Protein backbone atom coordinates (compact mmCIF):
# COMPACT_ATOMS: atom_id res chain seq x y z
CA UNK A 1 14.60 -26.23 3.93
CA UNK A 2 18.52 -26.09 3.85
CA UNK A 3 20.75 -27.01 0.89
CA UNK A 4 21.52 -30.69 0.83
CA UNK A 5 18.27 -31.75 2.80
CA UNK A 6 15.85 -32.14 -0.12
CA UNK A 7 12.61 -34.12 -0.31
CA UNK A 8 12.44 -36.94 -2.71
CA UNK A 9 9.92 -38.04 -5.29
CA UNK A 10 9.28 -40.42 -8.05
CA UNK A 11 7.61 -40.12 -11.50
CA UNK A 12 5.93 -42.95 -13.41
CA UNK A 13 6.16 -43.30 -17.24
CA UNK A 14 3.56 -44.74 -19.44
CA UNK A 15 2.42 -48.09 -18.16
CA UNK A 16 4.73 -47.94 -15.01
CA UNK A 17 3.06 -49.17 -11.72
CA UNK A 18 3.89 -49.52 -7.99
CA UNK A 19 2.31 -52.47 -6.13
CA UNK A 20 3.26 -51.20 -2.61
CA UNK A 21 3.11 -47.36 -2.19
CA UNK A 22 3.46 -47.82 1.58
CA UNK A 23 6.90 -49.22 1.01
CA UNK A 24 7.58 -46.29 -1.32
CA UNK A 25 6.50 -43.80 1.22
CA UNK A 26 8.65 -45.40 3.94
CA UNK A 27 11.59 -44.91 1.68
CA UNK A 28 11.27 -41.08 2.29
CA UNK A 29 9.42 -40.43 -1.04
CA UNK A 30 6.96 -37.63 -0.49
CA UNK A 31 5.64 -36.69 -3.89
CA UNK A 32 4.80 -38.62 -7.13
CA UNK A 33 3.88 -37.63 -10.79
CA UNK A 34 2.01 -40.33 -12.68
CA UNK A 35 1.71 -40.27 -16.44
CA UNK A 36 -2.05 -40.56 -17.28
CA UNK A 37 -2.68 -39.09 -20.70
CA UNK A 38 -0.90 -38.80 -24.05
CA UNK A 39 -1.70 -36.96 -27.22
CA UNK A 40 -5.40 -36.17 -27.72
CA UNK A 41 -6.99 -39.39 -27.14
CA UNK A 42 -5.04 -41.76 -24.91
CA UNK A 43 -5.89 -42.18 -21.37
CA UNK A 44 -4.62 -44.84 -18.82
CA UNK A 45 -7.78 -46.01 -17.16
CA UNK A 46 -5.75 -48.01 -14.50
CA UNK A 47 -3.96 -44.86 -13.27
CA UNK A 48 -6.75 -44.06 -10.90
CA UNK A 49 -5.82 -46.98 -8.76
CA UNK A 50 -2.18 -45.86 -8.69
CA UNK A 51 -3.16 -42.39 -7.68
CA UNK A 52 -5.51 -43.52 -4.94
CA UNK A 53 -2.91 -45.87 -3.52
CA UNK A 54 -0.34 -43.23 -3.52
CA UNK A 55 -2.55 -40.58 -1.76
CA UNK A 56 -3.53 -43.09 0.95
CA UNK A 57 0.08 -43.82 1.64
CA UNK A 58 0.46 -40.00 2.23
CA UNK A 59 2.19 -39.03 -0.91
CA UNK A 60 1.46 -35.93 -2.72
CA UNK A 61 0.25 -36.96 -6.11
CA UNK A 62 -0.44 -35.24 -9.59
CA UNK A 63 -0.84 -36.25 -13.24
CA UNK A 64 1.41 -36.08 -16.24
CA UNK A 65 0.58 -35.43 -19.79
CA UNK A 66 2.99 -36.83 -22.53
CA UNK A 67 2.93 -34.34 -25.33
CA UNK A 68 2.75 -35.14 -28.99
CA UNK A 69 3.06 -32.47 -31.76
CA UNK A 70 -0.03 -30.68 -32.68
CA UNK A 71 -3.33 -29.78 -31.08
CA UNK A 72 -1.95 -28.48 -27.89
CA UNK A 73 -5.45 -27.18 -26.79
CA UNK A 74 -7.05 -30.58 -27.39
CA UNK A 75 -4.13 -32.39 -25.40
CA UNK A 76 -4.61 -29.89 -22.45
CA UNK A 77 -8.31 -30.45 -22.44
CA UNK A 78 -7.83 -34.34 -22.24
CA UNK A 79 -5.36 -33.78 -19.30
CA UNK A 80 -7.93 -31.58 -17.60
CA UNK A 81 -10.74 -33.90 -17.99
CA UNK A 82 -8.59 -36.71 -16.73
CA UNK A 83 -7.47 -34.65 -13.72
CA UNK A 84 -11.02 -33.60 -12.74
CA UNK A 85 -12.14 -37.21 -12.91
CA UNK A 86 -9.19 -38.34 -10.67
CA UNK A 87 -9.59 -35.45 -8.17
CA UNK A 88 -6.05 -34.25 -8.51
CA UNK A 89 -6.80 -30.60 -9.11
CA UNK A 90 -7.57 -29.80 -5.46
CA UNK A 91 -5.46 -28.11 -2.82
CA UNK A 92 -2.43 -30.10 -1.74
CA UNK A 93 -2.18 -32.08 -5.01
CA UNK A 94 1.02 -31.99 -7.05
CA UNK A 95 0.56 -29.62 -9.92
CA UNK A 96 -0.08 -31.19 -13.28
CA UNK A 97 3.04 -31.87 -15.51
CA UNK A 98 3.65 -31.64 -19.27
CA UNK A 99 6.19 -33.97 -20.35
CA UNK A 100 8.27 -32.59 -23.33
CA UNK A 101 10.18 -35.24 -25.28
CA UNK A 102 8.67 -35.96 -28.69
CA UNK A 103 10.15 -34.15 -31.60
CA UNK A 104 8.03 -31.20 -32.68
CA UNK A 105 6.88 -30.03 -29.24
CA UNK A 106 8.16 -26.65 -28.85
CA UNK A 107 7.79 -23.41 -27.05
CA UNK A 108 4.50 -22.48 -28.85
CA UNK A 109 3.02 -25.89 -27.85
CA UNK A 110 4.10 -25.50 -24.19
CA UNK A 111 2.68 -21.80 -24.06
CA UNK A 112 -0.70 -22.97 -25.49
CA UNK A 113 -0.84 -25.94 -23.27
CA UNK A 114 -0.28 -23.95 -20.12
CA UNK A 115 -2.88 -21.33 -20.97
CA UNK A 116 -5.56 -23.93 -21.77
CA UNK A 117 -4.82 -25.90 -18.60
CA UNK A 118 -5.21 -22.86 -16.42
CA UNK A 119 -8.32 -21.81 -18.12
CA UNK A 120 -10.13 -25.08 -18.11
CA UNK A 121 -8.88 -26.40 -14.67
CA UNK A 122 -9.22 -23.09 -12.91
CA UNK A 123 -5.50 -23.56 -11.58
CA UNK A 124 -2.29 -21.59 -12.09
CA UNK A 125 0.55 -23.73 -11.08
CA UNK A 126 1.89 -26.12 -13.75
CA UNK A 127 5.14 -28.11 -14.24
CA UNK A 128 7.06 -28.55 -17.35
CA UNK A 129 9.40 -31.61 -17.66
CA UNK A 130 12.12 -32.13 -20.19
CA UNK A 131 15.51 -33.71 -20.70
CA UNK A 132 18.56 -31.71 -19.99
CA UNK A 133 19.51 -31.58 -23.65
CA UNK A 134 16.07 -30.12 -24.60
CA UNK A 135 16.30 -27.39 -22.09
CA UNK A 136 19.66 -26.44 -23.74
CA UNK A 137 18.72 -26.70 -27.28
CA UNK A 138 14.82 -26.58 -27.91
CA UNK A 139 13.03 -24.94 -25.01
CA UNK A 140 13.14 -21.26 -24.03
CA UNK A 141 11.31 -20.85 -20.69
CA UNK A 142 11.75 -17.08 -20.87
CA UNK A 143 8.99 -17.11 -23.45
CA UNK A 144 6.36 -18.76 -21.14
CA UNK A 145 7.74 -19.55 -17.61
CA UNK A 146 6.04 -17.09 -15.02
CA UNK A 147 6.11 -17.34 -11.36
CA UNK A 148 3.55 -20.26 -11.31
CA UNK A 149 5.48 -22.39 -13.86
CA UNK A 150 7.85 -24.85 -12.29
CA UNK A 151 10.63 -26.39 -14.25
CA UNK A 152 11.80 -29.99 -14.08
CA UNK A 153 14.92 -31.39 -15.70
CA UNK A 154 15.75 -35.05 -16.31
CA UNK A 155 19.68 -35.51 -16.13
CA UNK A 156 20.88 -38.77 -14.63
CA UNK A 157 24.07 -37.76 -12.86
CA UNK A 158 23.25 -39.33 -9.59
CA UNK A 159 23.50 -36.05 -7.71
CA UNK A 160 20.13 -35.38 -6.26
CA UNK A 161 19.12 -31.67 -6.53
CA UNK A 162 22.34 -30.79 -8.32
CA UNK A 163 21.56 -31.09 -12.09
CA UNK A 164 24.34 -28.76 -13.33
CA UNK A 165 21.94 -26.54 -14.90
CA UNK A 166 20.29 -23.45 -13.44
CA UNK A 167 17.02 -21.54 -14.10
CA UNK A 168 15.17 -19.35 -11.55
CA UNK A 169 12.08 -21.49 -11.81
CA UNK A 170 13.95 -24.91 -11.92
CA UNK A 171 12.50 -26.85 -8.90
CA UNK A 172 12.85 -30.49 -9.79
CA UNK A 173 15.84 -32.83 -10.80
CA UNK A 174 15.33 -36.34 -11.98
CA UNK A 175 18.70 -37.56 -11.09
CA UNK A 176 18.42 -41.47 -11.76
CA UNK A 177 16.07 -44.29 -12.65
CA UNK A 178 14.57 -46.37 -9.92
CA UNK A 179 16.54 -49.53 -9.42
CA UNK A 180 14.85 -53.09 -9.82
CA UNK A 181 12.72 -53.66 -6.65
CA UNK A 182 9.77 -55.71 -5.68
CA UNK A 183 6.42 -54.28 -6.58
CA UNK A 184 7.75 -51.73 -9.16
CA UNK A 185 7.13 -52.28 -12.79
CA UNK A 186 8.12 -49.97 -15.80
CA UNK A 187 10.19 -46.84 -16.08
CA UNK A 188 10.25 -44.85 -12.87
CA UNK A 189 12.42 -41.72 -12.38
CA UNK A 190 13.84 -40.71 -9.14
CA UNK A 191 13.54 -37.06 -8.28
CA UNK A 192 14.74 -34.58 -5.86
CA UNK A 193 13.88 -30.88 -5.19
CA UNK A 194 16.37 -28.17 -6.22
CA UNK A 195 17.32 -25.62 -3.47
CA UNK A 196 15.78 -23.29 -2.48
CA UNK A 197 12.33 -24.73 -3.57
CA UNK A 198 10.27 -26.69 -1.16
CA UNK A 199 7.38 -29.29 -1.65
CA UNK A 200 4.88 -26.44 -1.09
CA UNK A 201 6.18 -24.75 -4.30
CA UNK A 202 4.92 -27.70 -6.28
CA UNK A 203 1.53 -28.11 -4.86
CA UNK A 204 -1.79 -26.60 -5.92
């Protein structure tokens, strides 16, 4: 991959859905992260259909967990149980993502979540997603980001793959929200790889 020729992806927030994944794939989208779990007890039971449809369309798909403060081990276990049931921990799936947004989710939480997911799921690669401001003020990846941790920054500057923030493990940039379009419902982020990372660097 050369700089400026990056693959694109989307991420679905809670309750977001796509009715036509083939149309999404035809729009050059090659990967998708779908929010499935939140806190210690919330599971979107309709997400399985979204994941199956995305996979059938040839999109590399993974799950996302929306973190709430407290009980990182229990939250990680919920994510792992969901991932096993949905079959997204096999080779070629997008690595599972932890979304850090809620107040009180800090470096200690992230470190514990990563450790538990790795032990329970038997995988190494994980993705940590956060807004640009949180990377600047709250999160300190030098405390927990090894070579199998991928960072994802949300900064809506409409310049795909160029978020204006650098870290050696930064591989993904949410650069804008999806515009209104037929078959898409709910908050959906538009994403691009950050050079020199490739899609293979995001997969299990």
